[in-house]
């Protein structure tokens, strides 16, 4: 008998050869009269089974019931499937029927390519072996899993980016809500609303950048602006004497790249960027810009994370406890120190430092209690403790690097070998 090398069974054809044709299964499952719904539940591929059972004259439909008419002793299609599986030649009629039912298909070049490996030892699987399923009939040579091979570098997040995400997640887990703000800021929010005098040295061009065009923006509501103006000039209703100068709307309206993260806090305390809850805890992680000499610990653009907590019963001890928790849980510091410090918008103020294994004591954050000259003009009567971390330095501490520029390194060797931040 000539071999039938041109056609092979499809996956469906192999299943029917093993389990039986669906129309045969349907006929065997029927009694003289069976409701259509009941028959549907019993037979897979019911529509195919019904189509061919009707075509063969085995069943008919009456009033929603399937009526069994006749079932032959032999099933030609089943015999034809066996012929294909045994490599025997089909007649033209047999081939047309099986092709129309998609139970056979032409043997492709892929199949021919895969067949030559059957029974042989191979070292790797080819696409042809996988696609045809003939990989089950080959012998795979043993693989030495202990042998050193080519090193693979799996994809992972850039270390500093991963650290920022973890800091954000940690703060959220501690109950803080994230604040956001514009990259280009009014001097009003960056300085004036923080009770920083307009003639303060930190507002000089050598300390901050200014926007060349457009030079000015729109100040917030007159109610807030006039309260801040009065606080600067005479203390307003806070009991302070203020800074004692004539406050300029024009100066406050100048635009600048944000110089520090604290610029976002008065926006939220005043309700300008959304109403806050009291008591409440808020944080931000933002990009800031400041003129500086670039070296191992300084850059002209950098990230900061900061925020505030507002509640009735807060005091300086509350602030120190919070700062120590940040240094230990976020930076992984083992030793923490506090130093008295000065900021125009907090009193008392404190600096936080942690010990780095190579760089010694590194300043991590500045913090304090917002002055009433800041909070009361914004409509806040409760104490507000505030903090700002140089998160780039925090990352240096966590990642064990001594040059801040390495946070943005394109050194592939360092990026590949840097451990995942935990």
Protein backbone atom coordinates (compact mmCIF):
# COMPACT_ATOMS: atom_id res chain seq x y z
CA UNK A 1 0.00 0.00 0.00
CA UNK A 2 1.38 3.44 -0.93
CA UNK A 3 2.06 5.77 1.94
CA UNK A 4 -0.08 8.93 2.25
CA UNK A 5 2.70 11.47 2.91
CA UNK A 6 0.76 14.55 1.75
CA UNK A 7 -1.81 14.82 4.59
CA UNK A 8 -1.83 14.58 8.39
CA UNK A 9 -4.56 14.74 11.03
CA UNK A 10 -5.34 18.10 12.55
CA UNK A 11 -5.61 18.43 16.31
CA UNK A 12 -9.39 18.10 15.98
CA UNK A 13 -9.02 15.04 13.72
CA UNK A 14 -6.74 13.35 16.26
CA UNK A 15 -9.28 14.00 19.03
CA UNK A 16 -12.18 12.56 17.00
CA UNK A 17 -10.13 9.49 16.10
CA UNK A 18 -9.49 8.89 19.80
CA UNK A 19 -12.84 9.93 21.33
CA UNK A 20 -15.25 9.37 18.42
CA UNK A 21 -16.96 11.72 16.00
CA UNK A 22 -19.40 14.18 17.67
CA UNK A 23 -22.36 13.05 15.52
CA UNK A 24 -21.78 9.46 16.66
CA UNK A 25 -21.63 10.58 20.28
CA UNK A 26 -24.90 12.47 19.78
CA UNK A 27 -26.68 9.52 18.22
CA UNK A 28 -25.56 7.19 21.01
CA UNK A 29 -26.72 9.65 23.68
CA UNK A 30 -30.27 9.99 22.25
CA UNK A 31 -33.33 7.97 23.06
CA UNK A 32 -36.21 7.81 20.64
CA UNK A 33 -37.13 11.38 21.55
CA UNK A 34 -34.90 13.75 23.55
CA UNK A 35 -35.43 17.48 24.30
CA UNK A 36 -32.91 19.62 22.42
CA UNK A 37 -31.78 21.37 25.63
CA UNK A 38 -30.94 18.06 27.32
CA UNK A 39 -28.92 16.87 24.33
CA UNK A 40 -26.92 20.14 24.23
CA UNK A 41 -25.71 19.56 27.79
CA UNK A 42 -24.44 16.04 27.03
CA UNK A 43 -22.42 16.63 23.85
CA UNK A 44 -19.33 18.76 23.21
CA UNK A 45 -19.35 20.50 19.80
CA UNK A 46 -23.14 20.02 19.76
CA UNK A 47 -23.72 22.21 16.70
CA UNK A 48 -21.21 20.21 14.63
CA UNK A 49 -22.70 16.95 15.89
CA UNK A 50 -26.26 18.02 14.99
CA UNK A 51 -25.22 19.29 11.55
CA UNK A 52 -23.63 16.00 10.49
CA UNK A 53 -26.19 13.75 12.22
CA UNK A 54 -28.98 15.49 10.27
CA UNK A 55 -27.00 15.41 7.03
CA UNK A 56 -26.44 11.66 7.45
CA UNK A 57 -30.14 11.12 8.21
CA UNK A 58 -29.52 9.78 11.69
CA UNK A 59 -31.75 12.30 13.53
CA UNK A 60 -34.56 14.74 12.87
CA UNK A 61 -36.09 17.62 14.84
CA UNK A 62 -39.74 17.73 15.84
CA UNK A 63 -41.26 20.34 18.21
CA UNK A 64 -37.96 21.09 19.95
CA UNK A 65 -37.08 17.39 20.36
CA UNK A 66 -34.40 15.34 18.67
CA UNK A 67 -35.75 12.09 17.20
CA UNK A 68 -33.31 9.22 16.66
CA UNK A 69 -33.85 7.71 13.18
CA UNK A 70 -30.94 5.37 12.51
CA UNK A 71 -27.27 4.75 13.29
CA UNK A 72 -25.15 2.69 10.85
CA UNK A 73 -22.88 -0.06 12.09
CA UNK A 74 -19.83 1.40 10.39
CA UNK A 75 -18.76 5.04 10.25
CA UNK A 76 -16.84 5.82 7.04
CA UNK A 77 -15.25 9.05 8.32
CA UNK A 78 -13.75 7.19 11.28
CA UNK A 79 -12.19 4.65 8.92
CA UNK A 80 -10.79 7.47 6.80
CA UNK A 81 -9.20 9.11 9.88
CA UNK A 82 -7.53 5.78 10.70
CA UNK A 83 -6.16 5.58 7.13
CA UNK A 84 -4.54 9.04 7.49
CA UNK A 85 -3.06 8.18 10.89
CA UNK A 86 -1.55 5.00 9.37
CA UNK A 87 -0.14 6.89 6.38
CA UNK A 88 -2.46 5.24 3.84
CA UNK A 89 -3.70 6.94 0.70
CA UNK A 90 -7.19 8.51 0.60
CA UNK A 91 -9.58 8.60 -2.34
CA UNK A 92 -10.53 11.96 -3.83
CA UNK A 93 -13.97 11.80 -2.15
CA UNK A 94 -12.55 10.86 1.26
CA UNK A 95 -9.97 13.63 1.11
CA UNK A 96 -12.58 16.28 0.17
CA UNK A 97 -14.89 15.32 3.07
CA UNK A 98 -12.13 15.35 5.69
CA UNK A 99 -10.67 18.60 4.34
CA UNK A 100 -14.12 20.26 4.41
CA UNK A 101 -14.45 19.27 8.06
CA UNK A 102 -10.88 20.46 8.74
CA UNK A 103 -9.96 17.09 10.17
CA UNK A 104 -6.87 16.78 7.98
CA UNK A 105 -4.39 19.25 6.56
CA UNK A 106 -1.53 19.21 4.12
CA UNK A 107 1.75 18.22 5.67
CA UNK A 108 3.92 21.38 5.67
CA UNK A 109 7.63 21.80 5.10
CA UNK A 110 7.87 22.40 8.86
CA UNK A 111 6.63 18.87 9.49
CA UNK A 112 9.18 17.43 7.06
CA UNK A 113 11.90 19.43 8.76
CA UNK A 114 10.87 18.21 12.20
CA UNK A 115 10.52 14.53 11.24
CA UNK A 116 14.23 14.14 10.53
CA UNK A 117 14.95 14.61 14.26
CA UNK A 118 12.61 11.86 15.49
CA UNK A 119 14.47 9.30 17.59
CA UNK A 120 17.70 11.31 17.54
CA UNK A 121 19.59 13.09 20.33
CA UNK A 122 19.41 16.88 20.08
CA UNK A 123 20.85 19.74 22.15
CA UNK A 124 18.14 22.34 21.50
CA UNK A 125 14.53 22.48 20.35
CA UNK A 126 13.77 24.00 16.95
CA UNK A 127 10.64 26.01 16.10
CA UNK A 128 9.56 23.14 13.81
CA UNK A 129 9.74 20.58 16.61
CA UNK A 130 7.75 22.81 18.95
CA UNK A 131 5.07 23.76 16.42
CA UNK A 132 4.45 20.18 15.23
CA UNK A 133 4.60 18.66 18.70
CA UNK A 134 7.25 16.20 17.49
CA UNK A 135 9.56 17.38 20.30
CA UNK A 136 7.88 14.65 22.34
CA UNK A 137 9.49 12.03 20.08
CA UNK A 138 13.10 13.25 20.24
CA UNK A 139 15.78 12.61 22.83
CA UNK A 140 17.25 15.64 24.59
CA UNK A 141 20.90 15.47 25.56
CA UNK A 142 21.50 15.96 29.33
CA UNK A 143 22.28 19.58 30.27
CA UNK A 144 24.94 20.45 32.84
CA UNK A 145 23.14 23.02 34.99
CA UNK A 146 26.21 23.56 37.19
CA UNK A 147 28.40 24.75 34.31
CA UNK A 148 29.04 28.49 34.20
CA UNK A 149 27.34 30.08 31.21
CA UNK A 150 26.89 33.56 29.86
CA UNK A 151 25.77 36.00 32.56
CA UNK A 152 22.24 37.29 32.08
CA UNK A 153 21.21 40.72 33.39
CA UNK A 154 17.45 40.73 34.01
CA UNK A 155 15.47 43.92 33.55
CA UNK A 156 14.96 46.03 36.68
CA UNK A 157 14.16 49.60 37.64
CA UNK A 158 16.90 52.20 37.80
CA UNK A 159 18.10 52.10 41.46
CA UNK A 160 17.31 55.71 42.33
CA UNK A 161 13.90 55.58 40.64
CA UNK A 162 13.14 52.42 42.60
CA UNK A 163 14.23 54.13 45.84
CA UNK A 164 11.87 57.08 45.18
CA UNK A 165 8.98 54.67 44.63
CA UNK A 166 9.76 52.90 47.89
CA UNK A 167 9.92 56.19 49.80
CA UNK A 168 6.53 57.15 48.37
CA UNK A 169 5.09 53.76 49.35
CA UNK A 170 6.56 53.97 52.87
CA UNK A 171 5.08 57.43 53.47
CA UNK A 172 1.67 56.28 52.25
CA UNK A 173 1.92 53.28 54.58
CA UNK A 174 2.66 55.71 57.43
CA UNK A 175 -0.65 57.46 56.71
CA UNK A 176 0.56 60.45 54.64
CA UNK A 177 -1.25 61.80 51.59
CA UNK A 178 0.75 63.01 48.60
CA UNK A 179 0.73 66.65 47.48
CA UNK A 180 1.69 67.95 44.03
CA UNK A 181 2.50 71.38 42.64
CA UNK A 182 3.77 73.19 39.52
CA UNK A 183 7.42 73.08 38.50
CA UNK A 184 7.34 76.81 37.71
CA UNK A 185 6.19 78.62 40.83
CA UNK A 186 5.25 82.12 41.98
CA UNK A 187 7.68 83.73 44.38
CA UNK A 188 4.56 84.21 46.50
CA UNK A 189 4.22 80.48 47.21
CA UNK A 190 7.95 79.78 47.17
CA UNK A 191 8.83 82.58 49.63
CA UNK A 192 6.17 85.09 50.67
CA UNK A 193 3.53 82.63 51.90
CA UNK A 194 6.33 80.98 53.91
CA UNK A 195 6.97 84.31 55.69
CA UNK A 196 10.32 84.77 53.97
CA UNK A 197 11.05 88.49 53.62
CA UNK A 198 11.40 89.89 50.12
CA UNK A 199 14.85 91.26 50.93
CA UNK A 200 16.09 87.95 52.39
CA UNK A 201 19.51 86.90 50.95
CA UNK A 202 18.11 83.51 49.82
CA UNK A 203 15.91 85.36 47.30
CA UNK A 204 18.95 86.89 45.61
CA UNK A 205 19.73 85.84 42.00
CA UNK A 206 22.79 83.97 43.19
CA UNK A 207 20.61 81.70 45.34
CA UNK A 208 17.61 81.04 43.10
CA UNK A 209 16.73 80.97 39.41
CA UNK A 210 14.14 83.29 37.89
CA UNK A 211 12.07 82.92 34.74
CA UNK A 212 13.03 85.21 31.85
CA UNK A 213 9.73 84.82 29.97
CA UNK A 214 7.00 85.00 31.05
CA UNK A 215 8.35 86.96 33.97
CA UNK A 216 5.20 87.18 36.13
CA UNK A 217 2.12 85.13 36.98
CA UNK A 218 -1.23 85.69 38.71
CA UNK A 219 -1.32 86.00 42.49
CA UNK A 220 -3.92 83.97 44.46
CA UNK A 221 -7.15 85.37 45.94
CA UNK A 222 -6.91 88.89 47.35
CA UNK A 223 -7.97 87.64 50.81
CA UNK A 224 -4.87 85.43 51.11
CA UNK A 225 -2.54 87.93 49.45
CA UNK A 226 -3.52 90.82 51.73
CA UNK A 227 -3.16 88.69 54.88
CA UNK A 228 0.35 87.59 53.84
CA UNK A 229 1.21 91.21 52.98
CA UNK A 230 0.07 92.39 56.41
CA UNK A 231 2.00 89.60 58.16
CA UNK A 232 5.19 90.73 56.43
CA UNK A 233 4.65 94.42 57.09
CA UNK A 234 3.29 94.48 60.66
CA UNK A 235 2.53 90.92 61.79
CA UNK A 236 -1.22 91.14 60.97
CA UNK A 237 -3.21 89.58 63.87
CA UNK A 238 -0.51 87.12 64.94
CA UNK A 239 0.99 89.20 67.75
CA UNK A 240 4.22 89.58 65.73
CA UNK A 241 5.71 92.87 64.57
CA UNK A 242 6.39 91.42 61.11
CA UNK A 243 9.47 92.26 59.07
CA UNK A 244 8.69 96.00 58.99
CA UNK A 245 8.99 96.83 55.26
CA UNK A 246 6.71 97.71 52.37
CA UNK A 247 5.64 94.44 50.71
CA UNK A 248 5.61 94.34 46.88
CA UNK A 249 2.88 92.61 44.87
CA UNK A 250 5.14 92.80 41.80
CA UNK A 251 7.98 90.93 43.57
CA UNK A 252 5.59 88.27 44.88
CA UNK A 253 4.16 87.73 41.37
CA UNK A 254 7.49 86.88 39.72
CA UNK A 255 7.87 83.37 38.30
CA UNK A 256 10.72 81.00 39.13
CA UNK A 257 11.63 77.32 38.95
CA UNK A 258 10.65 75.86 42.32
CA UNK A 259 13.59 76.25 44.74
CA UNK A 260 12.41 73.88 47.48
CA UNK A 261 9.63 71.41 48.14
CA UNK A 262 8.18 73.52 50.98
CA UNK A 263 6.68 75.81 48.32
CA UNK A 264 3.85 73.27 47.97
CA UNK A 265 2.84 73.34 51.66
CA UNK A 266 1.25 76.85 51.78
CA UNK A 267 -0.75 76.03 48.66
CA UNK A 268 -2.47 73.21 50.56
CA UNK A 269 -2.65 74.94 53.95
CA UNK A 270 -4.47 77.87 52.34
CA UNK A 271 -6.87 75.58 50.47
CA UNK A 272 -5.61 76.93 47.13
CA UNK A 273 -4.68 73.42 45.90
CA UNK A 274 -7.46 71.55 47.68
CA UNK A 275 -8.97 71.36 51.14
CA UNK A 276 -6.92 69.53 53.76
CA UNK A 277 -8.16 67.51 56.70
CA UNK A 278 -7.33 68.46 60.30
CA UNK A 279 -5.78 66.43 61.79
CA UNK A 280 -3.90 65.41 58.66
CA UNK A 281 -0.51 64.25 57.34
CA UNK A 282 0.79 65.27 53.91
CA UNK A 283 3.97 64.75 51.87
CA UNK A 284 5.50 65.50 48.47
CA UNK A 285 8.38 64.23 46.33
CA UNK A 286 9.30 66.93 43.81
CA UNK A 287 12.07 68.28 41.58
CA UNK A 288 13.73 71.52 42.71
CA UNK A 289 16.25 73.94 41.16
CA UNK A 290 18.92 76.09 42.78
CA UNK A 291 22.23 77.60 41.58
CA UNK A 292 25.19 75.72 43.09
CA UNK A 293 28.64 74.33 42.37
CA UNK A 294 28.21 70.75 41.18
CA UNK A 295 30.26 68.32 43.23
CA UNK A 296 29.88 64.98 45.04
CA UNK A 297 27.12 66.27 47.31
CA UNK A 298 25.53 69.17 45.36
CA UNK A 299 23.66 69.68 42.10
CA UNK A 300 21.75 72.51 40.43
CA UNK A 301 18.62 70.35 40.17
CA UNK A 302 17.63 67.80 42.73
CA UNK A 303 14.72 65.99 44.35
CA UNK A 304 13.32 66.82 47.74
CA UNK A 305 10.66 65.17 49.83
CA UNK A 306 8.86 67.07 52.52
CA UNK A 307 5.52 67.75 54.04
CA UNK A 308 3.69 68.63 57.19
CA UNK A 309 1.45 67.30 59.93
CA UNK A 310 -1.32 69.48 61.32
CA UNK A 311 -3.17 68.66 64.56
CA UNK A 312 -4.20 70.21 67.88
CA UNK A 313 -1.73 68.40 70.16
CA UNK A 314 1.56 68.64 68.23
CA UNK A 315 4.83 69.88 69.76
CA UNK A 316 8.59 69.84 69.09
CA UNK A 317 8.96 66.36 70.60
CA UNK A 318 6.40 65.09 68.08
CA UNK A 319 8.59 66.47 65.30
CA UNK A 320 11.80 64.85 66.56
CA UNK A 321 10.10 61.47 66.89
CA UNK A 322 8.80 61.70 63.33
CA UNK A 323 12.21 62.70 61.93
CA UNK A 324 13.97 59.82 63.68
CA UNK A 325 11.38 57.39 62.31
CA UNK A 326 12.03 58.71 58.79
CA UNK A 327 15.82 58.43 59.12
CA UNK A 328 15.64 54.86 60.42
CA UNK A 329 12.83 53.43 58.26
CA UNK A 330 13.52 55.25 54.99
CA UNK A 331 17.30 55.79 55.05
CA UNK A 332 18.14 52.76 57.16
CA UNK A 333 20.26 54.94 59.46
CA UNK A 334 21.60 53.42 62.66
CA UNK A 335 22.79 56.68 64.21
CA UNK A 336 20.84 59.95 64.07
CA UNK A 337 21.71 63.42 65.41
CA UNK A 338 19.70 66.62 65.80
CA UNK A 339 21.19 70.13 65.61
CA UNK A 340 19.50 73.45 66.24
CA UNK A 341 19.09 75.44 63.03
CA UNK A 342 17.39 78.48 61.53
CA UNK A 343 14.75 78.80 58.83
CA UNK A 344 12.68 81.97 58.27
CA UNK A 345 9.41 80.03 58.34
CA UNK A 346 9.86 77.71 61.37
CA UNK A 347 10.50 78.29 65.07
CA UNK A 348 11.99 76.28 66.66
CA UNK A 349 14.00 74.72 63.81
CA UNK A 350 16.16 71.61 63.67
CA UNK A 351 18.62 69.87 61.34
CA UNK A 352 18.77 66.04 61.06
CA UNK A 353 21.98 64.18 60.26
CA UNK A 354 22.76 60.47 59.89
CA UNK A 355 26.09 58.67 59.86
CA UNK A 356 27.24 57.38 56.46
CA UNK A 357 29.79 54.51 56.48
CA UNK A 358 32.18 56.39 54.15
CA UNK A 359 31.20 60.06 54.32
CA UNK A 360 30.66 60.34 58.07
CA UNK A 361 27.76 62.48 59.29
CA UNK A 362 25.55 63.61 56.41
CA UNK A 363 22.83 66.26 56.69
CA UNK A 364 19.51 64.70 55.67
CA UNK A 365 16.77 67.18 56.51
CA UNK A 366 15.68 70.49 57.88
CA UNK A 367 12.50 70.79 59.93
CA UNK A 368 10.61 72.83 62.48
CA UNK A 369 7.23 74.13 63.62
CA UNK A 370 5.67 76.59 61.17
CA UNK A 371 5.50 80.11 62.59
CA UNK A 372 2.10 81.59 63.28
CA UNK A 373 2.98 84.42 60.87
CA UNK A 374 2.87 81.70 58.18
CA UNK A 375 -0.09 79.56 59.27
CA UNK A 376 -2.65 82.09 60.54
CA UNK A 377 -2.77 84.24 57.37
CA UNK A 378 -3.48 80.99 55.51
CA UNK A 379 -6.40 80.23 57.83
CA UNK A 380 -4.75 77.56 60.02
CA UNK A 381 -5.06 77.89 63.82
CA UNK A 382 -3.56 74.51 64.80
CA UNK A 383 0.18 73.75 65.20
CA UNK A 384 1.92 72.52 62.03
CA UNK A 385 5.18 70.54 62.14
CA UNK A 386 7.03 70.57 58.81
CA UNK A 387 10.05 68.79 57.34
CA UNK A 388 12.07 68.64 54.14
CA UNK A 389 14.55 65.89 53.20
CA UNK A 390 17.24 66.17 50.57
CA UNK A 391 16.11 62.83 49.19
CA UNK A 392 19.10 62.63 46.83
CA UNK A 393 21.36 62.49 49.88
CA UNK A 394 18.98 60.06 51.51
CA UNK A 395 19.37 57.82 48.46
CA UNK A 396 23.19 58.12 48.65
CA UNK A 397 22.98 56.83 52.18
CA UNK A 398 20.63 53.98 51.26
CA UNK A 399 22.46 52.95 48.05
CA UNK A 400 25.91 53.21 49.63
CA UNK A 401 27.37 55.71 47.15
CA UNK A 402 29.53 58.75 47.88
CA UNK A 403 28.89 60.85 44.73
CA UNK A 404 25.41 62.30 44.19
CA UNK A 405 25.96 62.32 40.42
CA UNK A 406 25.95 58.53 40.44
CA UNK A 407 22.21 58.60 41.16
CA UNK A 408 21.75 59.46 37.48
CA UNK A 409 24.67 57.39 36.18
CA UNK A 410 24.63 55.75 32.74
CA UNK A 411 27.40 53.37 33.79
CA UNK A 412 25.93 50.02 32.70
CA UNK A 413 28.23 47.99 34.91
CA UNK A 414 27.09 49.87 38.02
CA UNK A 415 23.42 49.75 36.98
CA UNK A 416 23.60 46.00 36.29
CA UNK A 417 25.38 45.10 39.53
CA UNK A 418 23.52 47.46 41.86
CA UNK A 419 21.39 45.34 44.24
CA UNK A 420 17.63 45.79 44.20
CA UNK A 421 16.65 48.37 46.81
CA UNK A 422 14.84 46.82 49.76
